[in-house]
């Protein structure tokens, strides 16, 4: 039996990862960004990814189910997906932001 919280969320998906490393891979003529620091918070069906990019604080928020998430960048026109197997050590997906597109992976720490 899966334990649920008061919101009927699967409690296996209530996690905070504060020392993550993120790789951003670009489809365009930008240099890939490897090993960026970030944090990931998963609460029920919600996910928040926080990082700094070029000195700017970046926060993406999203919703999903069973390890599959759609995220939005509320300060701009960005969106992304992230996917994770239960108890997986990383999240991976695609992103688009400011006319650029690519893939990303977050190593959970």
Protein backbone atom coordinates (compact mmCIF):
# COMPACT_ATOMS: atom_id res chain seq x y z
CA UNK A 1 0.00 0.00 0.00
CA UNK A 2 1.33 3.46 -0.95
CA UNK A 3 1.32 6.02 1.87
CA UNK A 4 -0.60 9.23 1.01
CA UNK A 5 -0.55 12.65 2.67
CA UNK A 6 -3.53 14.93 3.49
CA UNK A 7 -3.73 16.06 -0.16
CA UNK A 8 -3.90 12.43 -1.31
CA UNK A 9 -0.39 12.75 -2.83
CA UNK A 10 1.98 9.81 -2.96
CA UNK A 11 4.51 10.71 -0.23
CA UNK A 12 7.35 9.05 -2.18
CA UNK A 13 7.29 12.22 -4.29
CA UNK A 14 7.87 14.69 -1.40
CA UNK A 15 11.59 15.35 -1.68
CA UNK A 16 14.13 18.18 -1.48
CA UNK A 17 17.47 17.94 -3.29
CA UNK A 18 19.66 20.93 -2.44
CA UNK A 19 23.05 20.04 -3.97
CA UNK A 20 22.18 19.08 -7.53
CA UNK A 21 24.23 19.50 -10.70
CA UNK A 22 22.53 20.48 -13.94
CA UNK A 23 23.77 20.13 -17.53
CA UNK A 24 22.16 22.30 -20.24
CA UNK A 25 22.73 21.02 -23.77
CA UNK A 26 21.89 23.39 -26.63
CA UNK A 27 20.64 22.55 -30.13
CA UNK A 28 21.97 25.94 -31.30
CA UNK A 29 25.40 27.53 -31.52
CA UNK A 30 25.73 28.10 -27.78
CA UNK A 31 28.30 26.44 -25.57
CA UNK A 32 26.79 23.70 -23.42
CA UNK A 33 26.67 24.50 -19.72
CA UNK A 34 27.86 21.60 -17.60
CA UNK A 35 27.76 21.19 -13.81
CA UNK A 36 25.59 24.16 -12.87
CA UNK A 37 24.43 24.16 -9.25
CA UNK A 38 20.70 23.89 -8.63
CA UNK A 39 18.09 22.61 -6.20
CA UNK A 40 14.96 20.57 -6.84
CA UNK A 41 11.87 20.37 -4.66
CA UNK A 42 9.13 17.86 -5.41
CA UNK A 43 5.93 18.10 -3.39
CA UNK A 44 3.17 15.79 -4.50
CA UNK A 45 2.49 16.67 -8.12
CA UNK A 46 4.50 19.92 -8.07
CA UNK A 47 8.17 20.47 -8.90
CA UNK A 48 10.37 23.56 -8.50
CA UNK A 49 13.87 23.85 -9.99
CA UNK A 50 16.01 26.78 -8.76
CA UNK A 51 19.39 27.85 -10.16
CA UNK A 52 21.44 30.85 -11.28
CA UNK A 53 22.33 31.41 -14.91
CA UNK A 54 24.51 34.32 -15.95
CA UNK A 55 24.05 35.90 -12.52
CA UNK A 56 20.25 35.74 -12.80
CA UNK A 57 18.13 33.65 -10.41
CA UNK A 58 16.11 31.14 -12.42
CA UNK A 59 13.06 29.37 -10.99
CA UNK A 60 11.00 26.94 -13.04
CA UNK A 61 7.75 25.55 -11.64
CA UNK A 62 5.63 22.73 -12.91
CA UNK A 63 3.15 19.99 -12.31
CA UNK A 64 3.05 16.38 -13.26
CA UNK A 65 2.30 12.87 -12.19
CA UNK A 66 4.43 9.86 -11.37
CA UNK A 67 7.75 11.48 -12.23
CA UNK A 68 6.69 13.24 -15.48
CA UNK A 69 6.55 17.05 -15.25
CA UNK A 70 5.74 20.07 -17.43
CA UNK A 71 7.47 23.24 -16.22
CA UNK A 72 7.13 26.95 -16.98
CA UNK A 73 9.57 29.81 -16.51
CA UNK A 74 7.26 32.43 -14.99
CA UNK A 75 9.60 35.37 -15.73
CA UNK A 76 9.64 34.72 -19.48
CA UNK A 77 8.54 32.56 -22.36
CA UNK A 78 10.31 29.36 -21.31
CA UNK A 79 8.97 25.88 -20.80
CA UNK A 80 10.44 22.45 -20.18
CA UNK A 81 9.77 18.83 -19.35
CA UNK A 82 11.48 16.61 -16.79
CA UNK A 83 11.18 12.87 -16.27
CA UNK A 84 12.38 10.58 -13.46
CA UNK A 85 11.95 6.95 -12.57
CA UNK A 86 10.87 6.26 -8.98
CA UNK A 87 14.00 6.47 -6.81
CA UNK A 88 16.01 7.57 -9.87
CA UNK A 89 19.22 9.55 -9.35
CA UNK A 90 18.54 12.09 -12.11
CA UNK A 91 15.84 14.01 -13.98
CA UNK A 92 16.07 14.56 -17.73
CA UNK A 93 14.01 16.31 -20.38
CA UNK A 94 13.81 19.07 -22.98
CA UNK A 95 13.57 22.85 -22.68
CA UNK A 96 12.95 25.95 -24.78
CA UNK A 97 13.56 29.52 -23.66
CA UNK A 98 14.14 32.83 -25.43
CA UNK A 99 14.24 31.21 -28.88
CA UNK A 100 16.81 28.56 -27.87
CA UNK A 101 16.07 24.86 -27.38
CA UNK A 102 17.89 21.89 -25.93
CA UNK A 103 18.04 19.01 -23.50
CA UNK A 104 18.84 19.03 -19.82
CA UNK A 105 19.73 16.60 -17.09
CA UNK A 106 19.77 17.21 -13.36
CA UNK A 107 21.87 14.92 -11.18
CA UNK A 108 20.06 14.80 -7.85
CA UNK A 109 22.32 15.49 -4.86
